[in-house]
N, C-alpha and C. Protein backbone atom coordinates (compact mmCIF):
# COMPACT_ATOMS: atom_id res chain seq x y z
N MET A 1 15.03 12.10 25.34
CA MET A 1 14.00 12.03 24.34
C MET A 1 12.94 12.30 23.91
N SER A 2 12.60 13.06 23.36
CA SER A 2 11.28 13.55 23.01
C SER A 2 10.08 12.36 22.45
N PRO A 3 8.99 13.09 23.70
CA PRO A 3 8.08 11.92 23.69
C PRO A 3 7.77 11.33 22.62
N PHE A 4 7.72 11.98 20.99
CA PHE A 4 6.85 12.37 20.12
C PHE A 4 7.38 11.28 19.50
N LYS A 5 8.93 11.42 19.81
CA LYS A 5 9.94 10.59 18.83
C LYS A 5 10.21 8.95 18.43
N VAL A 6 9.74 8.35 17.73
CA VAL A 6 9.89 6.76 17.53
C VAL A 6 10.92 6.48 17.23
N PRO A 7 11.51 5.32 17.66
CA PRO A 7 12.72 4.65 17.86
C PRO A 7 12.98 3.99 16.60
N ASN A 8 13.90 3.63 15.61
CA ASN A 8 13.90 3.33 14.22
C ASN A 8 13.86 2.11 13.98
N LYS A 9 14.10 1.11 15.49
CA LYS A 9 13.54 0.08 15.13
C LYS A 9 12.19 -0.55 15.18
N ARG A 10 11.65 0.14 16.04
CA ARG A 10 9.64 0.41 16.25
C ARG A 10 9.39 0.83 15.04
N LYS A 11 10.02 1.65 14.51
CA LYS A 11 9.19 2.32 13.17
C LYS A 11 8.83 1.24 11.99
N LYS A 12 10.42 0.51 11.91
CA LYS A 12 10.68 0.19 10.93
C LYS A 12 10.28 -1.51 10.95
N LYS A 13 9.38 -2.16 12.05
CA LYS A 13 9.06 -3.15 12.65
C LYS A 13 7.73 -2.70 12.06
N TYR A 14 7.10 -1.39 12.78
CA TYR A 14 5.79 -1.13 12.14
C TYR A 14 5.75 -0.87 10.93
N THR A 15 6.45 -0.61 10.03
CA THR A 15 6.32 -0.63 8.80
C THR A 15 6.47 -1.96 7.99
N LEU A 16 6.92 -2.51 8.59
CA LEU A 16 7.11 -4.16 8.20
C LEU A 16 5.55 -4.74 8.23
N ASN A 17 4.99 -4.84 9.63
CA ASN A 17 3.83 -4.94 9.82
C ASN A 17 2.86 -4.64 9.19
N VAL A 18 2.37 -3.15 9.04
CA VAL A 18 1.19 -2.77 7.68
C VAL A 18 1.79 -3.28 6.61
N THR A 19 2.36 -3.38 6.11
CA THR A 19 3.14 -3.86 4.53
C THR A 19 2.45 -5.47 3.89
N ARG A 20 2.92 -6.45 5.52
CA ARG A 20 2.18 -7.74 5.69
C ARG A 20 0.79 -7.58 5.50
N ASP A 21 0.59 -6.51 6.06
CA ASP A 21 -0.94 -6.69 6.55
C ASP A 21 -1.70 -6.21 5.21
N ILE A 22 -0.97 -5.20 4.88
CA ILE A 22 -1.86 -5.00 3.52
C ILE A 22 -1.60 -5.61 2.47
N VAL A 23 0.06 -6.64 2.26
CA VAL A 23 -0.13 -7.38 0.94
C VAL A 23 -1.33 -8.95 1.63
N ARG A 24 -1.30 -9.65 2.90
CA ARG A 24 -2.32 -10.20 2.91
C ARG A 24 -3.31 -9.93 2.84
N SER A 25 -4.21 -8.56 2.79
CA SER A 25 -5.04 -8.27 2.31
C SER A 25 -5.67 -8.33 0.98
N LEU A 26 -4.32 -7.53 0.32
CA LEU A 26 -4.74 -8.10 -1.16
C LEU A 26 -4.44 -9.71 -2.02
N LYS A 27 -4.31 -10.60 -0.92
CA LYS A 27 -4.34 -12.09 -1.54
C LYS A 27 -5.56 -12.30 -1.23
N ALA A 28 -6.30 -12.21 -0.32
CA ALA A 28 -7.16 -12.30 0.05
C ALA A 28 -8.15 -12.10 -0.46
N LEU A 29 -8.45 -10.83 -0.78
CA LEU A 29 -9.22 -9.80 -1.72
C LEU A 29 -9.42 -10.33 -3.10
N GLU A 30 -7.70 -10.84 -3.83
CA GLU A 30 -7.48 -10.92 -4.98
C GLU A 30 -9.09 -12.27 -4.61
N ILE A 31 -8.59 -13.57 -3.84
CA ILE A 31 -8.99 -15.00 -3.91
C ILE A 31 -10.66 -14.36 -3.87
N GLU A 32 -11.19 -13.64 -3.36
CA GLU A 32 -12.46 -13.57 -2.84
C GLU A 32 -12.75 -13.13 -4.41
N ILE A 33 -12.13 -12.32 -4.88
CA ILE A 33 -12.89 -11.34 -6.32
C ILE A 33 -12.68 -12.92 -7.68
N VAL A 34 -11.52 -13.50 -7.23
CA VAL A 34 -11.70 -14.98 -8.27
C VAL A 34 -12.69 -15.58 -8.25
N GLU A 35 -13.11 -15.77 -7.07
CA GLU A 35 -14.18 -16.69 -6.69
C GLU A 35 -15.41 -16.08 -6.94
N LEU A 36 -16.07 -14.83 -6.34
CA LEU A 36 -17.34 -14.03 -6.99
C LEU A 36 -17.11 -14.16 -8.38
N GLN A 37 -16.19 -13.36 -8.75
CA GLN A 37 -16.62 -13.60 -10.43
C GLN A 37 -17.35 -14.65 -11.19
N ARG A 38 -16.60 -16.15 -10.45
CA ARG A 38 -16.75 -17.63 -11.06
C ARG A 38 -18.36 -17.17 -10.99
N LEU A 39 -18.51 -17.04 -9.85
CA LEU A 39 -20.39 -16.70 -9.41
C LEU A 39 -21.11 -15.87 -9.83
N GLU A 40 -20.55 -15.11 -10.80
CA GLU A 40 -21.41 -14.22 -10.97
C GLU A 40 -21.45 -14.50 -12.48
N ALA A 41 -21.60 -15.57 -12.68
CA ALA A 41 -22.08 -15.93 -14.08
C ALA A 41 -23.17 -16.51 -13.54
N THR A 42 -23.64 -16.48 -12.53
CA THR A 42 -25.23 -17.09 -12.31
C THR A 42 -25.89 -15.83 -12.46
N GLY A 43 -25.79 -15.32 -12.23
CA GLY A 43 -26.51 -13.80 -12.35
C GLY A 43 -27.15 -13.49 -11.08
N ASP A 44 -26.58 -14.13 -10.17
CA ASP A 44 -27.20 -13.06 -8.73
C ASP A 44 -26.62 -11.84 -8.24
N ARG A 45 -27.63 -10.90 -7.44
CA ARG A 45 -27.87 -9.62 -7.55
C ARG A 45 -26.58 -9.91 -6.59
N GLY A 46 -26.81 -10.26 -5.10
CA GLY A 46 -25.87 -10.43 -4.39
C GLY A 46 -25.12 -10.88 -5.12
N HIS A 47 -23.96 -11.53 -5.52
CA HIS A 47 -22.65 -11.77 -6.25
C HIS A 47 -22.08 -11.06 -6.75
N ILE A 48 -23.02 -10.27 -8.03
CA ILE A 48 -22.49 -8.47 -8.69
C ILE A 48 -21.83 -7.87 -7.73
N GLU A 49 -23.19 -7.78 -6.68
CA GLU A 49 -23.25 -6.09 -5.74
C GLU A 49 -21.17 -7.08 -4.78
N ALA A 50 -21.53 -8.32 -4.26
CA ALA A 50 -20.32 -8.51 -3.31
C ALA A 50 -18.96 -8.15 -4.14
N LEU A 51 -19.01 -8.68 -5.56
CA LEU A 51 -18.09 -8.27 -6.73
C LEU A 51 -17.14 -6.60 -6.57
N LYS A 52 -18.67 -6.10 -6.94
CA LYS A 52 -18.21 -4.54 -6.77
C LYS A 52 -17.34 -3.73 -5.61
N SER A 53 -17.93 -4.50 -4.71
CA SER A 53 -17.86 -4.35 -3.28
C SER A 53 -16.00 -4.55 -3.45
N LYS A 54 -15.49 -5.73 -3.51
CA LYS A 54 -14.32 -6.35 -3.11
C LYS A 54 -13.46 -5.43 -4.22
N LYS A 55 -13.87 -5.34 -5.69
CA LYS A 55 -13.11 -4.56 -6.58
C LYS A 55 -13.19 -3.12 -5.81
N ALA A 56 -13.83 -2.63 -5.23
CA ALA A 56 -14.05 -0.93 -4.84
C ALA A 56 -12.34 -1.28 -3.73
N LYS A 57 -12.79 -2.06 -2.45
CA LYS A 57 -11.68 -2.48 -1.51
C LYS A 57 -10.14 -2.29 -2.27
N MET A 58 -9.88 -3.33 -2.98
CA MET A 58 -8.65 -3.74 -3.59
C MET A 58 -8.17 -2.00 -3.98
N ASN A 59 -9.09 -1.31 -5.17
CA ASN A 59 -8.81 -0.50 -5.63
C ASN A 59 -8.36 0.27 -4.64
N ASP A 60 -8.42 0.43 -2.92
CA ASP A 60 -8.88 1.72 -2.49
C ASP A 60 -7.69 1.34 -1.81
N LEU A 61 -7.12 0.23 -1.04
CA LEU A 61 -5.59 -0.54 -0.63
C LEU A 61 -4.60 -0.30 -1.79
N LEU A 62 -4.37 -0.61 -3.18
CA LEU A 62 -4.09 -0.02 -3.94
C LEU A 62 -3.93 1.15 -4.39
N ASP A 63 -4.60 2.18 -3.96
CA ASP A 63 -4.19 3.56 -4.05
C ASP A 63 -3.54 3.67 -2.91
N ILE A 64 -4.17 2.92 -1.53
CA ILE A 64 -3.01 3.75 -0.40
C ILE A 64 -1.62 3.10 -0.48
N THR A 65 -1.07 1.81 -1.03
CA THR A 65 -0.29 1.42 -1.61
C THR A 65 1.21 2.42 -2.25
N ALA A 66 0.26 2.73 -3.23
CA ALA A 66 0.72 3.94 -4.84
C ALA A 66 0.73 5.12 -3.86
N GLN A 67 0.23 5.37 -3.21
CA GLN A 67 0.64 6.52 -2.15
C GLN A 67 1.51 7.03 -1.16
N GLY A 68 2.07 5.72 -0.39
CA GLY A 68 2.92 5.68 0.07
C GLY A 68 4.87 5.53 -0.31
N ALA A 69 4.57 4.85 -1.70
CA ALA A 69 5.11 4.59 -2.49
C ALA A 69 5.81 6.25 -3.38
N LEU A 70 4.83 6.92 -3.82
CA LEU A 70 5.10 8.02 -3.59
C LEU A 70 5.88 8.78 -2.92
N VAL A 71 5.27 8.86 -1.66
CA VAL A 71 5.52 9.96 -0.44
C VAL A 71 7.06 9.27 -0.54
N ARG A 72 7.85 8.31 0.00
CA ARG A 72 8.81 7.42 0.05
C ARG A 72 10.02 7.99 -0.98
N SER A 73 9.27 7.79 -2.68
CA SER A 73 10.37 8.55 -3.30
C SER A 73 10.59 9.90 -3.51
N ARG A 74 9.71 10.66 -3.05
CA ARG A 74 9.79 12.27 -2.67
C ARG A 74 10.81 12.59 -1.69
N PHE A 75 10.93 10.97 -0.24
CA PHE A 75 11.87 12.14 0.21
C PHE A 75 13.42 11.63 0.05
N LYS A 76 13.31 10.09 -1.05
CA LYS A 76 14.78 10.00 -1.29
C LYS A 76 15.12 11.40 -2.05
N SER A 77 14.42 11.29 -2.92
CA SER A 77 14.70 12.54 -3.81
C SER A 77 15.30 13.54 -3.38
N ALA A 78 14.67 14.29 -2.01
CA ALA A 78 14.69 15.46 -1.66
C ALA A 78 15.98 14.83 -0.54
N ALA A 79 16.66 13.81 0.37
CA ALA A 79 17.55 13.36 0.46
C ALA A 79 18.66 13.51 -0.08
N GLU A 80 18.79 12.24 -1.83
CA GLU A 80 19.80 13.16 -2.51
C GLU A 80 19.74 14.04 -2.78
N MET A 81 18.68 15.03 -2.88
CA MET A 81 19.75 16.31 -3.30
C MET A 81 20.01 17.21 -2.40
N ASP A 82 19.90 17.10 -0.92
CA ASP A 82 20.68 17.43 0.03
C ASP A 82 21.69 17.27 0.12
N ALA A 83 22.28 15.92 -0.47
CA ALA A 83 23.20 15.41 -0.34
C ALA A 83 24.75 16.37 -0.87
N PRO A 84 25.47 16.12 -0.37
CA PRO A 84 27.21 17.32 -0.96
C PRO A 84 27.15 16.43 -2.75
N SER A 85 28.06 17.01 -3.81
CA SER A 85 27.83 16.96 -4.59
C SER A 85 29.20 17.31 -4.64
N LYS A 86 30.38 16.66 -6.18
CA LYS A 86 31.70 17.00 -6.23
C LYS A 86 31.36 18.47 -7.83
N PHE A 87 30.14 18.42 -8.31
CA PHE A 87 29.90 19.24 -9.60
C PHE A 87 30.12 20.29 -8.85
N PHE A 88 29.89 20.99 -8.16
CA PHE A 88 30.28 22.07 -7.63
C PHE A 88 31.83 22.42 -6.40
N LEU A 89 32.51 21.65 -6.86
CA LEU A 89 33.56 21.42 -6.03
C LEU A 89 35.03 21.28 -6.93
N VAL A 90 35.09 22.73 -8.39
CA VAL A 90 35.46 22.53 -9.40
C VAL A 90 36.38 23.27 -8.65
């Protein structure tokens, strides 16, 4: 076995853990953003800056998850294109 190959079970477990961490982070950020939006009405500059920072972090996480979905769909499409087809076997 190549030292660079990771067994399938470990890949799935890693992916599951990463997904779980991202979901947890998104939920925590969402709660913090809602709370900061309430505090934003006070006009405190610190709350406004913290809100901007949290929103930027959430956008970054959402971008990462969207990129992952695009990569997975491309691999899935490539795998389906390589599959044998009855269309050409006439």
